[in-house]
Amino acid sequence: TVFFLLVLFAALTSSISLMETIVSVIMDK
């Protein structure tokens, strides 16, 4: 349970980094 909870937080933080790139491109275009 702890392991997959940490995986969830890791996925959320990674998704923020990835999505910021796409968001910035959409805002520019």
Full PDB file with SEQRES, HELIX, SHEET, SSBOND, CRYST1, ORIGX, SCALE, CONECT and MASTER records, all heavy atoms in Angstrom:
SEQRES   1 A   29  THR VAL PHE PHE LEU LEU VAL LEU PHE ALA ALA LEU THR          
SEQRES   2 A   29  SER SER ILE SER LEU MET GLU THR ILE VAL SER VAL ILE          
SEQRES   3 A   29  MET ASP LYS                                                  
HELIX    1 AA1 VAL A    2  ASP A   28  1                                  27    
CRYST1    1.000    1.000    1.000  90.00  90.00  90.00 P 1           1          
ORIGX1      1.000000  0.000000  0.000000        0.00000                         
ORIGX2      0.000000  1.000000  0.000000        0.00000                         
ORIGX3      0.000000  0.000000  1.000000        0.00000                         
SCALE1      1.000000  0.000000  0.000000        0.00000                         
SCALE2      0.000000  1.000000  0.000000        0.00000                         
SCALE3      0.000000  0.000000  1.000000        0.00000                         
ATOM      1  N   THR A   1       0.826  -1.211   0.000  1.00  0.00           N  
ATOM      2  CA  THR A   1       0.000   0.000   0.000  1.00  0.00           C  
ATOM      3  C   THR A   1       0.857   1.257   0.000  1.00  0.00           C  
ATOM      4  O   THR A   1       0.616   2.198  -0.763  1.00  0.00           O  
ATOM      5  CB  THR A   1      -0.934   0.002   1.223  1.00  0.00           C  
ATOM      6  OG1 THR A   1      -1.778  -1.158   1.185  1.00  0.00           O  
ATOM      7  CG2 THR A   1      -1.797   1.250   1.245  1.00  0.00           C  
ATOM      8  N   VAL A   2       1.877   1.271   0.860  1.00  0.00           N  
ATOM      9  CA  VAL A   2       2.773   2.425   0.926  1.00  0.00           C  
ATOM     10  C   VAL A   2       3.517   2.598  -0.398  1.00  0.00           C  
ATOM     11  O   VAL A   2       3.668   3.723  -0.901  1.00  0.00           O  
ATOM     12  CB  VAL A   2       3.774   2.261   2.091  1.00  0.00           C  
ATOM     13  CG1 VAL A   2       4.822   3.376   2.050  1.00  0.00           C  
ATOM     14  CG2 VAL A   2       3.053   2.263   3.426  1.00  0.00           C  
ATOM     15  N   PHE A   3       3.969   1.476  -0.968  1.00  0.00           N  
ATOM     16  CA  PHE A   3       4.712   1.533  -2.227  1.00  0.00           C  
ATOM     17  C   PHE A   3       3.870   2.166  -3.331  1.00  0.00           C  
ATOM     18  O   PHE A   3       4.308   3.098  -4.013  1.00  0.00           O  
ATOM     19  CB  PHE A   3       5.147   0.123  -2.643  1.00  0.00           C  
ATOM     20  CG  PHE A   3       5.802   0.072  -4.003  1.00  0.00           C  
ATOM     21  CD1 PHE A   3       7.135   0.399  -4.159  1.00  0.00           C  
ATOM     22  CD2 PHE A   3       5.068  -0.296  -5.116  1.00  0.00           C  
ATOM     23  CE1 PHE A   3       7.735   0.354  -5.412  1.00  0.00           C  
ATOM     24  CE2 PHE A   3       5.653  -0.340  -6.371  1.00  0.00           C  
ATOM     25  CZ  PHE A   3       6.992  -0.011  -6.519  1.00  0.00           C  
ATOM     26  N   PHE A   4       2.651   1.676  -3.521  1.00  0.00           N  
ATOM     27  CA  PHE A   4       1.819   2.200  -4.596  1.00  0.00           C  
ATOM     28  C   PHE A   4       1.317   3.611  -4.299  1.00  0.00           C  
ATOM     29  O   PHE A   4       1.028   4.378  -5.228  1.00  0.00           O  
ATOM     30  CB  PHE A   4       0.649   1.247  -4.868  1.00  0.00           C  
ATOM     31  CG  PHE A   4       1.060   0.027  -5.639  1.00  0.00           C  
ATOM     32  CD1 PHE A   4       1.146  -1.208  -5.023  1.00  0.00           C  
ATOM     33  CD2 PHE A   4       1.374   0.125  -6.984  1.00  0.00           C  
ATOM     34  CE1 PHE A   4       1.544  -2.324  -5.739  1.00  0.00           C  
ATOM     35  CE2 PHE A   4       1.765  -0.996  -7.711  1.00  0.00           C  
ATOM     36  CZ  PHE A   4       1.855  -2.232  -7.087  1.00  0.00           C  
ATOM     37  N   LEU A   5       1.227   3.963  -3.013  1.00  0.00           N  
ATOM     38  CA  LEU A   5       0.892   5.348  -2.675  1.00  0.00           C  
ATOM     39  C   LEU A   5       2.034   6.283  -3.094  1.00  0.00           C  
ATOM     40  O   LEU A   5       1.797   7.360  -3.654  1.00  0.00           O  
ATOM     41  CB  LEU A   5       0.644   5.467  -1.166  1.00  0.00           C  
ATOM     42  CG  LEU A   5       0.171   6.845  -0.654  1.00  0.00           C  
ATOM     43  CD1 LEU A   5      -1.174   7.205  -1.278  1.00  0.00           C  
ATOM     44  CD2 LEU A   5       0.054   6.838   0.857  1.00  0.00           C  
ATOM     45  N   LEU A   6       3.264   5.839  -2.860  1.00  0.00           N  
ATOM     46  CA  LEU A   6       4.417   6.628  -3.294  1.00  0.00           C  
ATOM     47  C   LEU A   6       4.489   6.696  -4.816  1.00  0.00           C  
ATOM     48  O   LEU A   6       4.864   7.722  -5.384  1.00  0.00           O  
ATOM     49  CB  LEU A   6       5.708   6.017  -2.731  1.00  0.00           C  
ATOM     50  CG  LEU A   6       5.873   6.097  -1.207  1.00  0.00           C  
ATOM     51  CD1 LEU A   6       7.137   5.352  -0.770  1.00  0.00           C  
ATOM     52  CD2 LEU A   6       5.928   7.539  -0.748  1.00  0.00           C  
ATOM     53  N   VAL A   7       4.126   5.603  -5.487  1.00  0.00           N  
ATOM     54  CA  VAL A   7       4.085   5.604  -6.950  1.00  0.00           C  
ATOM     55  C   VAL A   7       3.061   6.624  -7.449  1.00  0.00           C  
ATOM     56  O   VAL A   7       3.289   7.329  -8.441  1.00  0.00           O  
ATOM     57  CB  VAL A   7       3.746   4.196  -7.483  1.00  0.00           C  
ATOM     58  CG1 VAL A   7       3.438   4.241  -8.986  1.00  0.00           C  
ATOM     59  CG2 VAL A   7       4.893   3.242  -7.226  1.00  0.00           C  
ATOM     60  N   LEU A   8       1.927   6.711  -6.743  1.00  0.00           N  
ATOM     61  CA  LEU A   8       0.895   7.684  -7.109  1.00  0.00           C  
ATOM     62  C   LEU A   8       1.449   9.109  -7.030  1.00  0.00           C  
ATOM     63  O   LEU A   8       1.270   9.906  -7.960  1.00  0.00           O  
ATOM     64  CB  LEU A   8      -0.311   7.533  -6.189  1.00  0.00           C  
ATOM     65  CG  LEU A   8      -1.399   8.615  -6.313  1.00  0.00           C  
ATOM     66  CD1 LEU A   8      -2.018   8.603  -7.705  1.00  0.00           C  
ATOM     67  CD2 LEU A   8      -2.472   8.417  -5.245  1.00  0.00           C  
ATOM     68  N   PHE A   9       2.130   9.424  -5.928  1.00  0.00           N  
ATOM     69  CA  PHE A   9       2.699  10.771  -5.779  1.00  0.00           C  
ATOM     70  C   PHE A   9       3.781  11.023  -6.828  1.00  0.00           C  
ATOM     71  O   PHE A   9       3.893  12.135  -7.362  1.00  0.00           O  
ATOM     72  CB  PHE A   9       3.265  10.960  -4.374  1.00  0.00           C  
ATOM     73  CG  PHE A   9       2.198  11.082  -3.313  1.00  0.00           C  
ATOM     74  CD1 PHE A   9       2.197  10.254  -2.197  1.00  0.00           C  
ATOM     75  CD2 PHE A   9       1.201  12.030  -3.429  1.00  0.00           C  
ATOM     76  CE1 PHE A   9       1.221  10.367  -1.231  1.00  0.00           C  
ATOM     77  CE2 PHE A   9       0.211  12.159  -2.463  1.00  0.00           C  
ATOM     78  CZ  PHE A   9       0.218  11.321  -1.351  1.00  0.00           C  
ATOM     79  N   ALA A  10       4.587   9.984  -7.115  1.00  0.00           N  
ATOM     80  CA  ALA A  10       5.619  10.140  -8.143  1.00  0.00           C  
ATOM     81  C   ALA A  10       4.988  10.400  -9.505  1.00  0.00           C  
ATOM     82  O   ALA A  10       5.477  11.231 -10.287  1.00  0.00           O  
ATOM     83  CB  ALA A  10       6.497   8.886  -8.198  1.00  0.00           C  
ATOM     84  N   ALA A  11       3.900   9.701  -9.792  1.00  0.00           N  
ATOM     85  CA  ALA A  11       3.214   9.894 -11.069  1.00  0.00           C  
ATOM     86  C   ALA A  11       2.604  11.293 -11.160  1.00  0.00           C  
ATOM     87  O   ALA A  11       2.648  11.927 -12.221  1.00  0.00           O  
ATOM     88  CB  ALA A  11       2.131   8.836 -11.238  1.00  0.00           C  
ATOM     89  N   LEU A  12       2.047  11.773 -10.049  1.00  0.00           N  
ATOM     90  CA  LEU A  12       1.436  13.106 -10.051  1.00  0.00           C  
ATOM     91  C   LEU A  12       2.482  14.189 -10.297  1.00  0.00           C  
ATOM     92  O   LEU A  12       2.279  15.103 -11.109  1.00  0.00           O  
ATOM     93  CB  LEU A  12       0.724  13.361  -8.718  1.00  0.00           C  
ATOM     94  CG  LEU A  12      -0.592  12.610  -8.503  1.00  0.00           C  
ATOM     95  CD1 LEU A  12      -1.117  12.857  -7.102  1.00  0.00           C  
ATOM     96  CD2 LEU A  12      -1.629  13.035  -9.532  1.00  0.00           C  
ATOM     97  N   THR A  13       3.622  14.100  -9.595  1.00  0.00           N  
ATOM     98  CA  THR A  13       4.658  15.112  -9.779  1.00  0.00           C  
ATOM     99  C   THR A  13       5.241  15.047 -11.190  1.00  0.00           C  
ATOM    100  O   THR A  13       5.537  16.091 -11.795  1.00  0.00           O  
ATOM    101  CB  THR A  13       5.768  14.944  -8.743  1.00  0.00           C  
ATOM    102  OG1 THR A  13       6.275  13.593  -8.795  1.00  0.00           O  
ATOM    103  CG2 THR A  13       5.240  15.200  -7.341  1.00  0.00           C  
ATOM    104  N   SER A  14       5.409  13.827 -11.719  1.00  0.00           N  
ATOM    105  CA  SER A  14       5.931  13.693 -13.086  1.00  0.00           C  
ATOM    106  C   SER A  14       4.930  14.234 -14.097  1.00  0.00           C  
ATOM    107  O   SER A  14       5.319  14.886 -15.081  1.00  0.00           O  
ATOM    108  CB  SER A  14       6.235  12.219 -13.390  1.00  0.00           C  
ATOM    109  OG  SER A  14       7.236  11.722 -12.541  1.00  0.00           O  
ATOM    110  N   SER A  15       3.647  13.968 -13.869  1.00  0.00           N  
ATOM    111  CA  SER A  15       2.627  14.437 -14.808  1.00  0.00           C  
ATOM    112  C   SER A  15       2.559  15.961 -14.832  1.00  0.00           C  
ATOM    113  O   SER A  15       2.308  16.560 -15.879  1.00  0.00           O  
ATOM    114  CB  SER A  15       1.258  13.856 -14.453  1.00  0.00           C  
ATOM    115  OG  SER A  15       0.809  14.336 -13.196  1.00  0.00           O  
ATOM    116  N   ILE A  16       2.809  16.598 -13.679  1.00  0.00           N  
ATOM    117  CA  ILE A  16       2.821  18.062 -13.643  1.00  0.00           C  
ATOM    118  C   ILE A  16       3.935  18.597 -14.551  1.00  0.00           C  
ATOM    119  O   ILE A  16       3.729  19.539 -15.322  1.00  0.00           O  
ATOM    120  CB  ILE A  16       3.004  18.567 -12.201  1.00  0.00           C  
ATOM    121  CG1 ILE A  16       1.749  18.260 -11.366  1.00  0.00           C  
ATOM    122  CG2 ILE A  16       3.299  20.061 -12.175  1.00  0.00           C  
ATOM    123  CD1 ILE A  16       1.892  18.547  -9.893  1.00  0.00           C  
ATOM    124  N   SER A  17       5.112  17.981 -14.471  1.00  0.00           N  
ATOM    125  CA  SER A  17       6.230  18.419 -15.312  1.00  0.00           C  
ATOM    126  C   SER A  17       5.911  18.218 -16.785  1.00  0.00           C  
ATOM    127  O   SER A  17       6.171  19.094 -17.621  1.00  0.00           O  
ATOM    128  CB  SER A  17       7.496  17.641 -14.942  1.00  0.00           C  
ATOM    129  OG  SER A  17       7.866  17.867 -13.608  1.00  0.00           O  
ATOM    130  N   LEU A  18       5.356  17.051 -17.112  1.00  0.00           N  
ATOM    131  CA  LEU A  18       5.041  16.757 -18.507  1.00  0.00           C  
ATOM    132  C   LEU A  18       3.927  17.653 -19.034  1.00  0.00           C  
ATOM    133  O   LEU A  18       4.000  18.170 -20.152  1.00  0.00           O  
ATOM    134  CB  LEU A  18       4.631  15.282 -18.641  1.00  0.00           C  
ATOM    135  CG  LEU A  18       5.738  14.260 -18.434  1.00  0.00           C  
ATOM    136  CD1 LEU A  18       5.141  12.856 -18.308  1.00  0.00           C  
ATOM    137  CD2 LEU A  18       6.737  14.290 -19.571  1.00  0.00           C  
ATOM    138  N   MET A  19       2.903  17.839 -18.214  1.00  0.00           N  
ATOM    139  CA  MET A  19       1.756  18.624 -18.664  1.00  0.00           C  
ATOM    140  C   MET A  19       2.086  20.103 -18.774  1.00  0.00           C  
ATOM    141  O   MET A  19       1.514  20.804 -19.607  1.00  0.00           O  
ATOM    142  CB  MET A  19       0.574  18.393 -17.719  1.00  0.00           C  
ATOM    143  CG  MET A  19       0.019  16.969 -17.805  1.00  0.00           C  
ATOM    144  SD  MET A  19      -1.159  16.573 -16.490  1.00  0.00           S  
ATOM    145  CE  MET A  19      -2.535  17.616 -16.966  1.00  0.00           C  
ATOM    146  N   GLU A  20       3.034  20.582 -17.949  1.00  0.00           N  
ATOM    147  CA  GLU A  20       3.423  21.990 -18.030  1.00  0.00           C  
ATOM    148  C   GLU A  20       3.990  22.309 -19.406  1.00  0.00           C  
ATOM    149  O   GLU A  20       3.749  23.386 -19.958  1.00  0.00           O  
ATOM    150  CB  GLU A  20       4.445  22.313 -16.939  1.00  0.00           C  
ATOM    151  CG  GLU A  20       5.096  23.681 -17.059  1.00  0.00           C  
ATOM    152  CD  GLU A  20       4.104  24.823 -16.957  1.00  0.00           C  
ATOM    153  OE1 GLU A  20       2.991  24.619 -16.425  1.00  0.00           O  
ATOM    154  OE2 GLU A  20       4.436  25.941 -17.407  1.00  0.00           O  
ATOM    155  N   THR A  21       4.738  21.372 -19.975  1.00  0.00           N  
ATOM    156  CA  THR A  21       5.295  21.579 -21.314  1.00  0.00           C  
ATOM    157  C   THR A  21       4.183  21.756 -22.342  1.00  0.00           C  
ATOM    158  O   THR A  21       4.215  22.683 -23.167  1.00  0.00           O  
ATOM    159  CB  THR A  21       6.178  20.386 -21.707  1.00  0.00           C  
ATOM    160  OG1 THR A  21       7.208  20.220 -20.737  1.00  0.00           O  
ATOM    161  CG2 THR A  21       6.789  20.589 -23.077  1.00  0.00           C  
ATOM    162  N   ILE A  22       3.187  20.869 -22.284  1.00  0.00           N  
ATOM    163  CA  ILE A  22       2.085  20.941 -23.247  1.00  0.00           C  
ATOM    164  C   ILE A  22       1.250  22.191 -23.022  1.00  0.00           C  
ATOM    165  O   ILE A  22       0.835  22.867 -23.977  1.00  0.00           O  
ATOM    166  CB  ILE A  22       1.202  19.675 -23.143  1.00  0.00           C  
ATOM    167  CG1 ILE A  22       2.055  18.426 -23.326  1.00  0.00           C  
ATOM    168  CG2 ILE A  22       0.079  19.709 -24.170  1.00  0.00           C  
ATOM    169  CD1 ILE A  22       1.320  17.130 -23.087  1.00  0.00           C  
ATOM    170  N   VAL A  23       1.000  22.508 -21.753  1.00  0.00           N  
ATOM    171  CA  VAL A  23       0.217  23.706 -21.424  1.00  0.00           C  
ATOM    172  C   VAL A  23       0.907  24.956 -21.959  1.00  0.00           C  
ATOM    173  O   VAL A  23       0.264  25.840 -22.548  1.00  0.00           O  
ATOM    174  CB  VAL A  23       0.005  23.809 -19.897  1.00  0.00           C  
ATOM    175  CG1 VAL A  23      -0.534  25.182 -19.525  1.00  0.00           C  
ATOM    176  CG2 VAL A  23      -0.958  22.725 -19.423  1.00  0.00           C  
ATOM    177  N   SER A  24       2.221  25.049 -21.768  1.00  0.00           N  
ATOM    178  CA  SER A  24       2.945  26.234 -22.230  1.00  0.00           C  
ATOM    179  C   SER A  24       2.901  26.362 -23.747  1.00  0.00           C  
ATOM    180  O   SER A  24       2.781  27.475 -24.281  1.00  0.00           O  
ATOM    181  CB  SER A  24       4.398  26.180 -21.753  1.00  0.00           C  
ATOM    182  OG  SER A  24       5.089  25.078 -22.322  1.00  0.00           O  
ATOM    183  N   VAL A  25       2.967  25.228 -24.460  1.00  0.00           N  
ATOM    184  CA  VAL A  25       2.884  25.263 -25.927  1.00  0.00           C  
ATOM    185  C   VAL A  25       1.495  25.718 -26.376  1.00  0.00           C  
ATOM    186  O   VAL A  25       1.360  26.545 -27.291  1.00  0.00           O  
ATOM    187  CB  VAL A  25       3.212  23.876 -26.520  1.00  0.00           C  
ATOM    188  CG1 VAL A  25       2.905  23.846 -28.021  1.00  0.00           C  
ATOM    189  CG2 VAL A  25       4.669  23.519 -26.280  1.00  0.00           C  
ATOM    190  N   ILE A  26       0.441  25.186 -25.727  1.00  0.00           N  
ATOM    191  CA  ILE A  26      -0.928  25.577 -26.077  1.00  0.00           C  
ATOM    192  C   ILE A  26      -1.137  27.068 -25.823  1.00  0.00           C  
ATOM    193  O   ILE A  26      -1.753  27.776 -26.629  1.00  0.00           O  
ATOM    194  CB  ILE A  26      -1.943  24.740 -25.271  1.00  0.00           C  
ATOM    195  CG1 ILE A  26      -1.903  23.279 -25.738  1.00  0.00           C  
ATOM    196  CG2 ILE A  26      -3.359  25.303 -25.431  1.00  0.00           C  
ATOM    197  CD1 ILE A  26      -2.807  22.358 -24.950  1.00  0.00           C  
ATOM    198  N   MET A  27      -0.596  27.556 -24.709  1.00  0.00           N  
ATOM    199  CA  MET A  27      -0.731  28.980 -24.400  1.00  0.00           C  
ATOM    200  C   MET A  27      -0.005  29.847 -25.432  1.00  0.00           C  
ATOM    201  O   MET A  27      -0.463  30.946 -25.766  1.00  0.00           O  
ATOM    202  CB  MET A  27      -0.188  29.263 -23.001  1.00  0.00           C  
ATOM    203  CG  MET A  27      -1.023  28.689 -21.870  1.00  0.00           C  
ATOM    204  SD  MET A  27      -0.224  28.860 -20.257  1.00  0.00           S  
ATOM    205  CE  MET A  27      -0.077  30.649 -20.130  1.00  0.00           C  
ATOM    206  N   ASP A  28       1.123  29.353 -25.939  1.00  0.00           N  
ATOM    207  CA  ASP A  28       1.881  30.119 -26.937  1.00  0.00           C  
ATOM    208  C   ASP A  28       1.203  30.113 -28.303  1.00  0.00           C  
ATOM    209  O   ASP A  28       1.276  31.101 -29.049  1.00  0.00           O  
ATOM    210  CB  ASP A  28       3.297  29.552 -27.079  1.00  0.00           C  
ATOM    211  CG  ASP A  28       4.156  29.829 -25.853  1.00  0.00           C  
ATOM    212  OD1 ASP A  28       3.802  30.750 -25.095  1.00  0.00           O  
ATOM    213  OD2 ASP A  28       5.164  29.121 -25.658  1.00  0.00           O  
ATOM    214  N   LYS A  29       0.528  29.007 -28.643  1.00  0.00           N  
ATOM    215  CA  LYS A  29      -0.004  28.831 -29.992  1.00  0.00           C  
ATOM    216  C   LYS A  29      -1.494  29.141 -30.118  1.00  0.00           C  
ATOM    217  O   LYS A  29      -2.012  29.229 -31.238  1.00  0.00           O  
ATOM    218  CB  LYS A  29       0.236  27.390 -30.465  1.00  0.00           C  
ATOM    219  CG  LYS A  29       1.711  26.974 -30.491  1.00  0.00           C  
ATOM    220  CD  LYS A  29       2.511  27.812 -31.456  1.00  0.00           C  
ATOM    221  CE  LYS A  29       3.973  27.351 -31.520  1.00  0.00           C  
ATOM    222  NZ  LYS A  29       4.771  28.176 -32.462  1.00  0.00           N  
TER     223      LYS A  29                                                      
MASTER        0    0    0    1    0    0    0    6  222    1    0    3          
END                                                                             
